[in-house]
N, C-alpha and C. Protein backbone atom coordinates (compact mmCIF):
# COMPACT_ATOMS: atom_id res chain seq x y z
N LYS A 1 -8.84 -18.42 61.81
CA LYS A 1 -7.45 -18.29 61.20
C LYS A 1 -6.99 -19.65 60.74
N ILE A 2 -6.45 -19.70 59.44
CA ILE A 2 -5.93 -20.96 58.90
C ILE A 2 -4.51 -21.14 59.41
N ARG A 3 -4.20 -22.26 59.85
CA ARG A 3 -2.84 -22.63 60.34
C ARG A 3 -2.01 -22.83 59.12
N PRO A 4 -0.70 -22.27 59.24
CA PRO A 4 0.29 -22.32 58.18
C PRO A 4 0.44 -23.76 57.55
N GLU A 5 0.37 -24.79 58.40
CA GLU A 5 0.64 -26.11 57.88
C GLU A 5 -0.53 -26.66 57.10
N LYS A 6 -1.62 -25.87 57.08
CA LYS A 6 -2.81 -26.23 56.27
C LYS A 6 -2.76 -25.57 54.90
N ILE A 7 -1.82 -24.71 54.63
CA ILE A 7 -1.76 -24.08 53.42
C ILE A 7 -0.71 -24.66 52.44
N ARG A 8 -1.14 -24.81 51.24
CA ARG A 8 -0.23 -25.36 50.20
C ARG A 8 -0.36 -24.50 48.93
N VAL A 9 0.86 -24.22 48.36
CA VAL A 9 0.87 -23.43 47.10
C VAL A 9 1.20 -24.35 45.99
N ILE A 10 0.34 -24.36 44.98
CA ILE A 10 0.51 -25.18 43.77
C ILE A 10 0.68 -24.14 42.67
N THR A 11 1.82 -24.10 42.02
CA THR A 11 2.05 -23.22 40.88
C THR A 11 1.42 -23.68 39.56
N ASN A 12 1.40 -22.76 38.54
CA ASN A 12 0.96 -23.20 37.25
C ASN A 12 2.08 -24.17 36.71
N GLY A 13 1.63 -25.02 35.93
CA GLY A 13 2.56 -26.01 35.25
C GLY A 13 2.47 -25.75 33.84
N ILE A 14 3.40 -26.34 33.07
CA ILE A 14 3.50 -26.33 31.62
C ILE A 14 3.47 -27.78 31.03
N ASP A 15 3.09 -27.94 29.80
CA ASP A 15 3.18 -29.21 29.11
C ASP A 15 4.63 -29.32 28.61
N PHE A 16 5.44 -29.89 29.47
CA PHE A 16 6.90 -29.82 29.18
C PHE A 16 7.26 -30.61 27.87
N GLU A 17 6.61 -31.78 27.79
CA GLU A 17 6.89 -32.62 26.58
C GLU A 17 6.50 -31.88 25.34
N LYS A 18 5.29 -31.30 25.29
CA LYS A 18 4.86 -30.53 24.15
C LYS A 18 5.80 -29.39 23.80
N THR A 19 6.19 -28.59 24.79
CA THR A 19 7.12 -27.54 24.61
C THR A 19 8.43 -28.11 24.10
N GLU A 20 8.98 -29.10 24.53
CA GLU A 20 10.17 -29.69 24.14
C GLU A 20 10.04 -30.01 22.60
N LYS A 21 8.96 -30.68 22.24
CA LYS A 21 8.72 -31.05 20.89
C LYS A 21 8.67 -29.86 19.94
N LEU A 22 7.99 -28.81 20.34
CA LEU A 22 7.81 -27.69 19.51
C LEU A 22 9.16 -26.93 19.28
N CYS A 23 10.08 -27.05 20.28
CA CYS A 23 11.38 -26.47 20.25
C CYS A 23 12.22 -27.08 19.05
N ARG A 24 11.91 -28.29 18.65
CA ARG A 24 12.70 -28.98 17.66
C ARG A 24 12.27 -28.58 16.21
N ASP A 25 11.20 -27.81 16.16
CA ASP A 25 10.82 -27.39 14.73
C ASP A 25 11.91 -26.53 14.15
N THR A 26 12.14 -26.60 12.87
CA THR A 26 13.18 -25.85 12.26
C THR A 26 12.71 -24.38 11.94
N ILE A 27 13.57 -23.53 11.86
CA ILE A 27 13.38 -22.09 11.51
C ILE A 27 14.06 -21.83 10.21
N GLU A 28 13.47 -20.86 9.42
CA GLU A 28 14.19 -20.50 8.30
C GLU A 28 15.03 -19.20 8.61
N GLU A 29 16.27 -19.26 8.23
CA GLU A 29 17.23 -18.22 8.50
C GLU A 29 16.63 -16.91 7.90
N GLY A 30 16.77 -15.88 8.67
CA GLY A 30 16.24 -14.64 8.12
C GLY A 30 14.81 -14.36 8.41
N ASP A 31 14.12 -15.41 9.02
CA ASP A 31 12.69 -15.23 9.39
C ASP A 31 12.55 -14.26 10.55
N VAL A 32 13.32 -14.51 11.62
CA VAL A 32 13.21 -13.59 12.72
C VAL A 32 14.64 -12.98 13.03
N PHE A 33 15.62 -13.77 12.91
CA PHE A 33 17.03 -13.37 12.98
C PHE A 33 17.62 -13.21 11.67
N ARG A 34 18.30 -12.16 11.35
CA ARG A 34 18.79 -11.91 10.01
C ARG A 34 20.19 -12.43 9.79
N ASN A 35 20.95 -12.48 10.91
CA ASN A 35 22.38 -12.85 10.82
C ASN A 35 22.49 -14.34 11.54
N PRO A 36 22.77 -15.37 10.83
CA PRO A 36 22.90 -16.65 11.40
C PRO A 36 23.94 -16.81 12.47
N GLY A 37 24.96 -15.98 12.36
CA GLY A 37 26.10 -16.14 13.32
C GLY A 37 26.01 -15.15 14.46
N ALA A 38 24.89 -14.42 14.63
CA ALA A 38 24.76 -13.37 15.71
C ALA A 38 24.52 -14.01 17.09
N PHE A 39 24.85 -13.17 18.03
CA PHE A 39 24.40 -13.49 19.41
C PHE A 39 22.90 -13.09 19.50
N ARG A 40 22.03 -14.06 19.82
CA ARG A 40 20.67 -13.89 19.61
C ARG A 40 19.92 -13.61 21.02
N ILE A 41 19.33 -12.49 21.16
CA ILE A 41 18.59 -12.11 22.31
C ILE A 41 17.18 -12.12 21.86
N ILE A 42 16.22 -12.72 22.73
CA ILE A 42 14.82 -12.84 22.31
C ILE A 42 13.94 -12.50 23.48
N SER A 43 12.83 -11.91 23.21
CA SER A 43 11.71 -11.66 24.21
C SER A 43 10.46 -11.79 23.41
N GLY A 44 9.36 -11.67 24.27
CA GLY A 44 8.10 -11.86 23.60
C GLY A 44 6.90 -11.49 24.57
N GLY A 45 5.74 -11.30 23.92
CA GLY A 45 4.59 -11.01 24.81
C GLY A 45 3.79 -9.88 24.06
N ARG A 46 2.77 -9.42 24.79
CA ARG A 46 2.05 -8.28 24.30
C ARG A 46 2.87 -6.98 24.25
N LEU A 47 2.86 -6.31 23.12
CA LEU A 47 3.69 -5.08 23.12
C LEU A 47 3.04 -3.90 23.81
N THR A 48 3.13 -3.91 25.10
CA THR A 48 2.44 -3.01 25.99
C THR A 48 3.43 -2.31 26.99
N PRO A 49 3.18 -1.18 27.61
CA PRO A 49 4.08 -0.58 28.50
C PRO A 49 4.49 -1.53 29.55
N GLN A 50 3.55 -2.38 30.09
CA GLN A 50 3.91 -3.28 31.19
C GLN A 50 5.08 -4.21 30.85
N LYS A 51 5.27 -4.63 29.66
CA LYS A 51 6.43 -5.45 29.26
C LYS A 51 7.67 -4.79 29.23
N ASN A 52 7.71 -3.43 29.18
CA ASN A 52 8.92 -2.63 29.21
C ASN A 52 9.86 -2.92 28.19
N PHE A 53 9.42 -3.12 26.93
CA PHE A 53 10.32 -3.46 25.81
C PHE A 53 11.18 -2.28 25.41
N GLN A 54 10.77 -1.04 25.80
CA GLN A 54 11.57 0.14 25.52
C GLN A 54 12.86 0.04 26.27
N LEU A 55 12.79 -0.36 27.49
CA LEU A 55 13.91 -0.56 28.34
C LEU A 55 14.88 -1.53 27.74
N LEU A 56 14.39 -2.67 27.28
CA LEU A 56 15.22 -3.70 26.61
C LEU A 56 15.93 -3.16 25.38
N ILE A 57 15.14 -2.44 24.56
CA ILE A 57 15.79 -1.94 23.35
C ILE A 57 16.91 -0.95 23.73
N ASN A 58 16.60 -0.10 24.69
CA ASN A 58 17.67 0.91 25.15
C ASN A 58 18.89 0.16 25.65
N ALA A 59 18.74 -0.93 26.46
CA ALA A 59 19.87 -1.70 26.93
C ALA A 59 20.58 -2.41 25.79
N PHE A 60 19.89 -2.96 24.85
CA PHE A 60 20.46 -3.64 23.75
C PHE A 60 21.30 -2.65 22.90
N ALA A 61 20.80 -1.40 22.78
CA ALA A 61 21.48 -0.47 21.95
C ALA A 61 22.85 0.00 22.56
N ARG A 62 23.04 -0.38 23.88
CA ARG A 62 24.31 -0.04 24.51
C ARG A 62 25.40 -1.20 24.42
N LEU A 63 24.93 -2.30 23.87
CA LEU A 63 25.95 -3.38 23.60
C LEU A 63 26.99 -2.82 22.67
N PRO A 64 28.27 -3.22 22.74
CA PRO A 64 29.29 -2.77 21.88
C PRO A 64 28.91 -3.11 20.39
N ASP A 65 29.11 -2.29 19.44
CA ASP A 65 28.87 -2.44 18.04
C ASP A 65 29.47 -3.86 17.55
N ASN A 66 30.62 -4.16 18.05
CA ASN A 66 31.29 -5.34 17.58
C ASN A 66 30.81 -6.63 18.19
N SER A 67 29.72 -6.53 19.02
CA SER A 67 29.20 -7.64 19.55
C SER A 67 28.38 -8.49 18.56
N GLY A 68 27.91 -7.88 17.55
CA GLY A 68 27.19 -8.65 16.48
C GLY A 68 25.86 -9.23 17.01
N ALA A 69 25.35 -8.60 18.08
CA ALA A 69 24.08 -9.10 18.74
C ALA A 69 22.90 -8.75 17.87
N GLN A 70 21.92 -9.54 17.95
CA GLN A 70 20.56 -9.21 17.41
C GLN A 70 19.50 -9.40 18.43
N LEU A 71 18.44 -8.62 18.34
CA LEU A 71 17.35 -8.65 19.32
C LEU A 71 16.02 -8.97 18.54
N ALA A 72 15.25 -9.90 18.96
CA ALA A 72 13.96 -10.19 18.41
C ALA A 72 12.86 -10.08 19.54
N ILE A 73 11.81 -9.38 19.30
CA ILE A 73 10.71 -9.31 20.22
C ILE A 73 9.43 -9.80 19.53
N ILE A 74 8.88 -10.98 19.88
CA ILE A 74 7.79 -11.60 19.29
C ILE A 74 6.50 -11.14 19.86
N GLY A 75 5.50 -10.72 19.09
CA GLY A 75 4.21 -10.29 19.61
C GLY A 75 3.69 -9.18 18.87
N TYR A 76 2.36 -8.87 19.28
CA TYR A 76 1.78 -7.66 18.68
C TYR A 76 1.26 -6.81 19.81
N GLY A 77 0.93 -5.57 19.54
CA GLY A 77 0.44 -4.71 20.60
C GLY A 77 0.53 -3.20 20.27
N GLU A 78 0.02 -2.42 21.18
CA GLU A 78 -0.09 -1.00 20.94
C GLU A 78 1.26 -0.26 20.74
N GLU A 79 2.37 -0.90 21.20
CA GLU A 79 3.67 -0.22 21.14
C GLU A 79 4.45 -0.65 19.92
N MET A 80 3.90 -1.41 18.99
CA MET A 80 4.72 -1.92 17.84
C MET A 80 5.35 -0.73 17.11
N GLU A 81 4.67 0.33 16.77
CA GLU A 81 5.28 1.48 15.99
C GLU A 81 6.27 2.15 16.88
N ALA A 82 5.96 2.40 18.14
CA ALA A 82 6.85 3.12 18.98
C ALA A 82 8.19 2.39 19.14
N LEU A 83 8.10 1.05 19.23
CA LEU A 83 9.32 0.35 19.48
C LEU A 83 10.13 0.32 18.19
N ALA A 84 9.51 0.27 17.08
CA ALA A 84 10.19 0.33 15.78
C ALA A 84 10.91 1.66 15.65
N SER A 85 10.22 2.81 16.05
CA SER A 85 10.72 4.10 16.00
C SER A 85 11.93 4.18 16.97
N LEU A 86 11.79 3.66 18.11
CA LEU A 86 12.97 3.74 19.13
C LEU A 86 14.11 3.10 18.53
N ALA A 87 14.04 1.92 17.97
CA ALA A 87 15.14 1.20 17.41
C ALA A 87 15.83 2.00 16.30
N GLU A 88 14.96 2.69 15.49
CA GLU A 88 15.45 3.52 14.37
C GLU A 88 16.25 4.73 15.00
N LYS A 89 15.73 5.36 15.96
CA LYS A 89 16.30 6.50 16.62
C LYS A 89 17.63 6.11 17.24
N LEU A 90 17.75 4.96 17.81
CA LEU A 90 18.98 4.51 18.45
C LEU A 90 19.98 3.91 17.46
N GLY A 91 19.68 3.81 16.28
CA GLY A 91 20.54 3.38 15.28
C GLY A 91 20.74 1.79 15.21
N VAL A 92 19.70 1.11 15.71
CA VAL A 92 19.87 -0.43 15.81
C VAL A 92 18.68 -1.06 15.01
N ALA A 93 18.00 -0.33 14.25
CA ALA A 93 16.88 -0.90 13.50
C ALA A 93 17.24 -2.10 12.66
N ASP A 94 18.55 -2.11 12.13
CA ASP A 94 18.88 -3.30 11.32
C ASP A 94 19.23 -4.52 12.26
N ARG A 95 19.21 -4.37 13.52
CA ARG A 95 19.53 -5.54 14.39
C ARG A 95 18.47 -5.82 15.42
N VAL A 96 17.26 -5.07 15.24
CA VAL A 96 16.11 -5.30 16.07
C VAL A 96 15.01 -5.81 15.13
N SER A 97 14.33 -7.00 15.53
CA SER A 97 13.44 -7.51 14.73
C SER A 97 12.04 -7.59 15.52
N LEU A 98 11.02 -7.09 14.91
CA LEU A 98 9.64 -7.04 15.47
C LEU A 98 8.75 -7.75 14.52
N PRO A 99 8.84 -9.14 14.55
CA PRO A 99 8.15 -9.95 13.51
C PRO A 99 6.64 -10.10 13.75
N GLY A 100 6.11 -9.62 14.94
CA GLY A 100 4.71 -9.86 15.20
C GLY A 100 4.50 -11.22 15.75
N TYR A 101 3.28 -11.69 15.60
CA TYR A 101 2.84 -13.03 16.12
C TYR A 101 3.45 -14.13 15.42
N ARG A 102 3.85 -15.17 16.14
CA ARG A 102 4.31 -16.41 15.65
C ARG A 102 3.60 -17.57 16.29
N GLU A 103 3.07 -18.47 15.47
CA GLU A 103 2.27 -19.64 16.08
C GLU A 103 3.12 -20.51 17.02
N ASN A 104 4.35 -20.66 16.71
CA ASN A 104 5.24 -21.46 17.45
C ASN A 104 6.50 -20.62 17.88
N PRO A 105 6.37 -19.75 19.00
CA PRO A 105 7.47 -18.97 19.38
C PRO A 105 8.63 -19.76 20.01
N TRP A 106 8.30 -20.93 20.50
CA TRP A 106 9.21 -21.72 21.27
C TRP A 106 10.50 -22.12 20.35
N LYS A 107 10.29 -22.37 19.09
CA LYS A 107 11.38 -22.74 18.24
C LYS A 107 12.33 -21.59 18.01
N TYR A 108 11.84 -20.45 18.07
CA TYR A 108 12.69 -19.27 17.99
C TYR A 108 13.49 -18.94 19.26
N ILE A 109 12.79 -19.24 20.41
CA ILE A 109 13.52 -19.03 21.72
C ILE A 109 14.57 -20.12 21.80
N ALA A 110 14.26 -21.30 21.38
CA ALA A 110 15.27 -22.42 21.44
C ALA A 110 16.51 -22.15 20.62
N ALA A 111 16.31 -21.37 19.52
CA ALA A 111 17.42 -20.97 18.66
C ALA A 111 18.13 -19.80 19.06
N SER A 112 17.78 -19.27 20.24
CA SER A 112 18.33 -17.99 20.72
C SER A 112 19.43 -18.26 21.78
N ASP A 113 20.22 -17.31 22.16
CA ASP A 113 21.24 -17.35 23.18
C ASP A 113 20.83 -16.96 24.56
N VAL A 114 19.83 -16.11 24.67
CA VAL A 114 19.28 -15.65 25.94
C VAL A 114 17.85 -15.11 25.73
N PHE A 115 16.97 -15.47 26.66
CA PHE A 115 15.66 -14.85 26.76
C PHE A 115 15.57 -13.88 27.79
N VAL A 116 14.90 -12.71 27.57
CA VAL A 116 14.79 -11.60 28.47
C VAL A 116 13.42 -11.26 28.72
N LEU A 117 13.05 -11.15 29.95
CA LEU A 117 11.79 -10.65 30.53
C LEU A 117 12.01 -9.31 31.18
N SER A 118 11.57 -8.21 30.62
CA SER A 118 11.88 -6.93 31.10
C SER A 118 10.71 -6.23 31.84
N SER A 119 9.65 -6.94 32.15
CA SER A 119 8.37 -6.38 32.68
C SER A 119 8.59 -5.60 33.95
N THR A 120 7.62 -4.60 34.10
CA THR A 120 7.52 -3.86 35.33
C THR A 120 6.63 -4.62 36.45
N PHE A 121 5.77 -5.49 36.00
CA PHE A 121 5.08 -6.39 36.85
C PHE A 121 4.52 -7.57 36.04
N GLU A 122 4.25 -8.65 36.73
CA GLU A 122 3.67 -9.86 36.11
C GLU A 122 2.68 -10.52 37.03
N GLY A 123 1.97 -11.40 36.63
CA GLY A 123 1.09 -12.21 37.52
C GLY A 123 2.00 -13.42 37.82
N TYR A 124 1.84 -14.55 37.10
CA TYR A 124 2.65 -15.64 37.19
C TYR A 124 3.18 -15.77 35.72
N PRO A 125 4.51 -15.50 35.44
CA PRO A 125 4.98 -15.41 34.16
C PRO A 125 5.10 -16.73 33.39
N ASN A 126 4.04 -17.24 32.82
CA ASN A 126 4.19 -18.51 32.09
C ASN A 126 5.24 -18.47 30.92
N VAL A 127 5.33 -17.30 30.32
CA VAL A 127 6.37 -17.15 29.18
C VAL A 127 7.76 -17.34 29.69
N LEU A 128 7.95 -16.99 31.02
CA LEU A 128 9.34 -17.24 31.49
C LEU A 128 9.53 -18.70 31.79
N LEU A 129 8.64 -19.44 32.31
CA LEU A 129 8.64 -20.84 32.47
C LEU A 129 8.81 -21.58 31.18
N GLU A 130 8.06 -21.12 30.28
CA GLU A 130 8.19 -21.80 28.86
C GLU A 130 9.56 -21.59 28.25
N ALA A 131 10.12 -20.42 28.47
CA ALA A 131 11.45 -20.08 27.93
C ALA A 131 12.52 -20.97 28.62
N MET A 132 12.26 -21.13 29.95
CA MET A 132 13.17 -22.04 30.73
C MET A 132 13.16 -23.50 30.22
N ALA A 133 11.98 -23.82 29.80
CA ALA A 133 11.84 -25.29 29.23
C ALA A 133 12.57 -25.49 27.99
N THR A 134 12.90 -24.48 27.25
CA THR A 134 13.66 -24.61 26.08
C THR A 134 15.14 -24.84 26.28
N GLY A 135 15.58 -24.66 27.49
CA GLY A 135 16.99 -24.80 27.82
C GLY A 135 17.88 -23.56 27.50
N VAL A 136 17.23 -22.54 27.23
CA VAL A 136 17.99 -21.18 26.92
C VAL A 136 18.05 -20.42 28.28
N PRO A 137 19.15 -19.82 28.63
CA PRO A 137 19.31 -19.04 29.77
C PRO A 137 18.36 -17.92 29.81
N VAL A 138 17.84 -17.54 30.98
CA VAL A 138 16.86 -16.41 31.04
C VAL A 138 17.40 -15.35 32.00
N VAL A 139 17.14 -14.13 31.48
CA VAL A 139 17.31 -13.00 32.38
C VAL A 139 15.98 -12.28 32.61
N SER A 140 15.72 -11.92 33.82
CA SER A 140 14.31 -11.37 34.10
C SER A 140 14.49 -10.22 35.10
N SER A 141 13.59 -9.25 34.90
CA SER A 141 13.44 -8.18 35.93
C SER A 141 12.82 -8.83 37.22
N ASP A 142 13.31 -8.35 38.39
CA ASP A 142 12.79 -8.91 39.63
C ASP A 142 11.60 -8.16 40.04
N CYS A 143 10.49 -8.27 39.15
CA CYS A 143 9.30 -7.55 39.36
C CYS A 143 8.23 -8.36 40.17
N PRO A 144 7.30 -7.66 40.70
CA PRO A 144 6.14 -8.34 41.28
C PRO A 144 5.42 -9.02 40.15
N HIS A 145 4.91 -10.17 40.24
CA HIS A 145 4.86 -11.04 41.47
C HIS A 145 5.29 -12.47 41.05
N GLY A 146 6.10 -12.66 40.05
CA GLY A 146 6.36 -14.00 39.67
C GLY A 146 7.78 -14.50 39.44
N PRO A 147 8.66 -13.71 38.74
CA PRO A 147 9.87 -14.23 38.49
C PRO A 147 10.83 -14.82 39.67
N ARG A 148 10.64 -14.24 40.78
CA ARG A 148 11.36 -14.73 41.93
C ARG A 148 10.91 -16.00 42.47
N GLU A 149 9.65 -16.40 42.05
CA GLU A 149 9.09 -17.76 42.40
C GLU A 149 9.73 -18.85 41.60
N LEU A 150 10.25 -18.46 40.32
CA LEU A 150 10.87 -19.40 39.47
C LEU A 150 12.35 -19.42 39.52
N ILE A 151 12.98 -18.29 39.60
CA ILE A 151 14.31 -18.04 39.46
C ILE A 151 15.17 -17.89 40.80
N ILE A 152 16.13 -18.67 41.01
CA ILE A 152 17.11 -18.52 41.98
C ILE A 152 18.31 -17.77 41.33
N ASN A 153 18.47 -16.56 41.75
CA ASN A 153 19.52 -15.67 40.98
C ASN A 153 20.87 -16.42 40.94
N GLY A 154 21.38 -16.53 39.71
CA GLY A 154 22.66 -17.11 39.52
C GLY A 154 22.75 -18.56 39.44
N LYS A 155 21.56 -19.22 39.70
CA LYS A 155 21.62 -20.65 39.61
C LYS A 155 20.86 -21.14 38.39
N ASN A 156 19.61 -20.68 38.22
CA ASN A 156 18.83 -21.08 37.02
C ASN A 156 18.36 -19.97 36.20
N GLY A 157 18.92 -18.84 36.41
CA GLY A 157 18.65 -17.60 35.63
C GLY A 157 19.24 -16.45 36.42
N ILE A 158 19.06 -15.26 35.80
CA ILE A 158 19.53 -14.00 36.36
C ILE A 158 18.39 -13.07 36.66
N LEU A 159 18.34 -12.54 37.83
CA LEU A 159 17.40 -11.43 38.19
C LEU A 159 18.06 -10.09 38.24
N VAL A 160 17.45 -9.14 37.63
CA VAL A 160 17.93 -7.69 37.72
C VAL A 160 16.85 -6.83 38.26
N PRO A 161 17.15 -5.71 38.84
CA PRO A 161 16.17 -4.81 39.38
C PRO A 161 15.28 -4.20 38.25
N VAL A 162 14.06 -3.97 38.63
CA VAL A 162 13.14 -3.46 37.68
C VAL A 162 13.52 -2.04 37.18
N ASN A 163 13.34 -1.84 35.86
CA ASN A 163 13.69 -0.51 35.30
C ASN A 163 15.21 -0.17 35.39
N ASP A 164 16.10 -1.19 35.64
CA ASP A 164 17.53 -0.93 35.76
C ASP A 164 18.21 -1.26 34.41
N GLU A 165 18.37 -0.28 33.49
CA GLU A 165 18.87 -0.50 32.24
C GLU A 165 20.27 -1.07 32.22
N SER A 166 21.17 -0.50 33.15
CA SER A 166 22.56 -0.88 33.23
C SER A 166 22.68 -2.30 33.69
N SER A 167 21.87 -2.71 34.71
CA SER A 167 21.88 -4.09 35.19
C SER A 167 21.47 -5.08 34.20
N LEU A 168 20.49 -4.70 33.31
CA LEU A 168 19.99 -5.53 32.30
C LEU A 168 21.14 -5.72 31.21
N LEU A 169 21.79 -4.59 30.88
CA LEU A 169 22.86 -4.65 29.86
C LEU A 169 23.94 -5.61 30.45
N LYS A 170 24.30 -5.38 31.71
CA LYS A 170 25.45 -6.19 32.30
C LYS A 170 25.11 -7.68 32.25
N ALA A 171 23.82 -7.98 32.54
CA ALA A 171 23.43 -9.44 32.56
C ALA A 171 23.53 -10.09 31.15
N MET A 172 23.05 -9.29 30.21
CA MET A 172 23.21 -9.78 28.75
C MET A 172 24.68 -10.01 28.39
N GLN A 173 25.40 -9.04 28.66
CA GLN A 173 26.89 -9.06 28.41
C GLN A 173 27.52 -10.30 29.06
N ARG A 174 27.14 -10.63 30.27
CA ARG A 174 27.73 -11.71 31.09
C ARG A 174 27.51 -12.96 30.31
N ILE A 175 26.26 -13.20 29.77
CA ILE A 175 25.89 -14.42 29.09
C ILE A 175 26.65 -14.41 27.74
N ARG A 176 26.75 -13.33 27.05
CA ARG A 176 27.40 -13.16 25.72
C ARG A 176 28.90 -13.60 25.84
N GLU A 177 29.48 -13.13 27.00
CA GLU A 177 30.90 -13.32 27.18
C GLU A 177 31.28 -14.64 27.83
N ASP A 178 30.40 -15.26 28.54
CA ASP A 178 30.63 -16.58 29.27
C ASP A 178 29.70 -17.61 28.86
N ARG A 179 29.90 -18.29 27.74
CA ARG A 179 29.01 -19.31 27.27
C ARG A 179 28.72 -20.42 28.25
N SER A 180 29.84 -20.82 28.98
CA SER A 180 29.63 -21.82 30.02
C SER A 180 28.64 -21.42 31.12
N LEU A 181 28.65 -20.12 31.45
CA LEU A 181 27.60 -19.64 32.45
C LEU A 181 26.18 -19.86 31.77
N GLY A 182 26.10 -19.40 30.50
CA GLY A 182 24.79 -19.46 29.86
C GLY A 182 24.32 -20.98 29.75
N LYS A 183 25.21 -21.90 29.56
CA LYS A 183 24.84 -23.27 29.46
C LYS A 183 24.40 -23.71 30.82
N LYS A 184 25.13 -23.34 31.83
CA LYS A 184 24.80 -23.81 33.22
C LYS A 184 23.41 -23.23 33.60
N LEU A 185 23.16 -21.94 33.35
CA LEU A 185 21.85 -21.39 33.70
C LEU A 185 20.71 -22.02 32.93
N GLY A 186 20.98 -22.28 31.55
CA GLY A 186 20.03 -22.96 30.81
C GLY A 186 19.68 -24.39 31.17
N ASP A 187 20.67 -25.11 31.49
CA ASP A 187 20.40 -26.50 31.92
C ASP A 187 19.64 -26.51 33.25
N SER A 188 20.02 -25.63 34.20
CA SER A 188 19.29 -25.60 35.42
C SER A 188 17.82 -25.13 35.24
N GLY A 189 17.69 -24.12 34.46
CA GLY A 189 16.37 -23.59 34.07
C GLY A 189 15.43 -24.69 33.50
N LYS A 190 16.05 -25.43 32.53
CA LYS A 190 15.22 -26.53 32.01
C LYS A 190 14.75 -27.55 33.00
N GLU A 191 15.63 -27.85 33.95
CA GLU A 191 15.23 -28.82 35.03
C GLU A 191 14.17 -28.18 35.89
N THR A 192 14.20 -26.89 36.19
CA THR A 192 13.18 -26.21 36.90
C THR A 192 11.84 -26.39 36.22
N ALA A 193 11.85 -26.18 34.86
CA ALA A 193 10.57 -26.29 34.08
C ALA A 193 10.12 -27.73 34.12
N ARG A 194 11.09 -28.69 33.99
CA ARG A 194 10.70 -30.13 33.98
C ARG A 194 9.99 -30.46 35.29
N ASN A 195 10.46 -29.90 36.40
CA ASN A 195 9.83 -30.20 37.77
C ASN A 195 8.50 -29.48 37.86
N LEU A 196 8.12 -28.60 36.96
CA LEU A 196 6.85 -27.90 36.99
C LEU A 196 5.92 -28.37 35.87
N ASP A 197 6.15 -29.55 35.42
CA ASP A 197 5.36 -30.20 34.32
C ASP A 197 3.89 -30.25 34.75
N LEU A 198 3.02 -30.06 33.80
CA LEU A 198 1.57 -29.98 34.08
C LEU A 198 1.04 -31.22 34.78
N GLN A 199 1.56 -32.48 34.42
CA GLN A 199 1.13 -33.62 35.00
C GLN A 199 1.45 -33.68 36.47
N LYS A 200 2.56 -33.07 36.91
CA LYS A 200 2.94 -33.10 38.27
C LYS A 200 2.00 -32.08 39.06
N MET A 201 1.66 -31.04 38.48
CA MET A 201 0.83 -30.09 39.10
C MET A 201 -0.66 -30.70 39.31
N VAL A 202 -1.08 -31.48 38.33
CA VAL A 202 -2.41 -32.12 38.46
C VAL A 202 -2.39 -33.20 39.61
N LYS A 203 -1.29 -33.89 39.73
CA LYS A 203 -1.11 -34.84 40.79
C LYS A 203 -1.22 -34.18 42.18
N GLN A 204 -0.60 -32.94 42.25
CA GLN A 204 -0.63 -32.23 43.49
C GLN A 204 -2.06 -31.74 43.83
N TYR A 205 -2.85 -31.46 42.84
CA TYR A 205 -4.23 -31.13 43.05
C TYR A 205 -4.98 -32.28 43.46
N GLU A 206 -4.75 -33.43 42.83
CA GLU A 206 -5.47 -34.70 43.22
C GLU A 206 -5.17 -35.09 44.62
N SER A 207 -3.97 -34.87 45.16
CA SER A 207 -3.56 -35.21 46.50
C SER A 207 -4.28 -34.34 47.52
N LEU A 208 -4.80 -33.25 47.17
CA LEU A 208 -5.53 -32.46 48.15
C LEU A 208 -6.94 -33.00 48.48
N PHE A 209 -7.43 -33.87 47.64
CA PHE A 209 -8.83 -34.37 47.83
C PHE A 209 -8.87 -35.86 48.17
């Protein structure tokens, strides 16, 4: 049996400096978000059932019409047509963007007001860590097995129960209505990502040998 004091956990890291640089790239208005003055919600990844984007669209559709919010989901996958059909059915197709693959998704995340991870499960969610590195507040489902390793609820992000549409809606509304909260979460999340820089992770591995 291995003694607990002999066990060390080293998480995945990101190239923080590179991500920060990519965030500064300019975006053309109307490329992903159609209304420059909108409250911008963004997500991304493979368009598969695991990512639970249908839940996100359902929650988004319940935001008040006067919120002026827009949702962008970046990525490709088997659910592309189903997600577009759902947005149409719910009457929000004009406010939901499914732009497909983007070589630099970070610049779009950085130009958003909140990043949402709605997955039913994850391994270690690199996309969540990368979103935190942009300084944008994050809302994530409290799914197995990664978000809770990165997010301290209410400090550097918001965790909501898996498959809980109402809680997800409430979290997005909180950030829309309280910009100071969004800034606090975004700043703390960015500091979390900075502390998980790839070079720091490499040094931790080196210290093992």
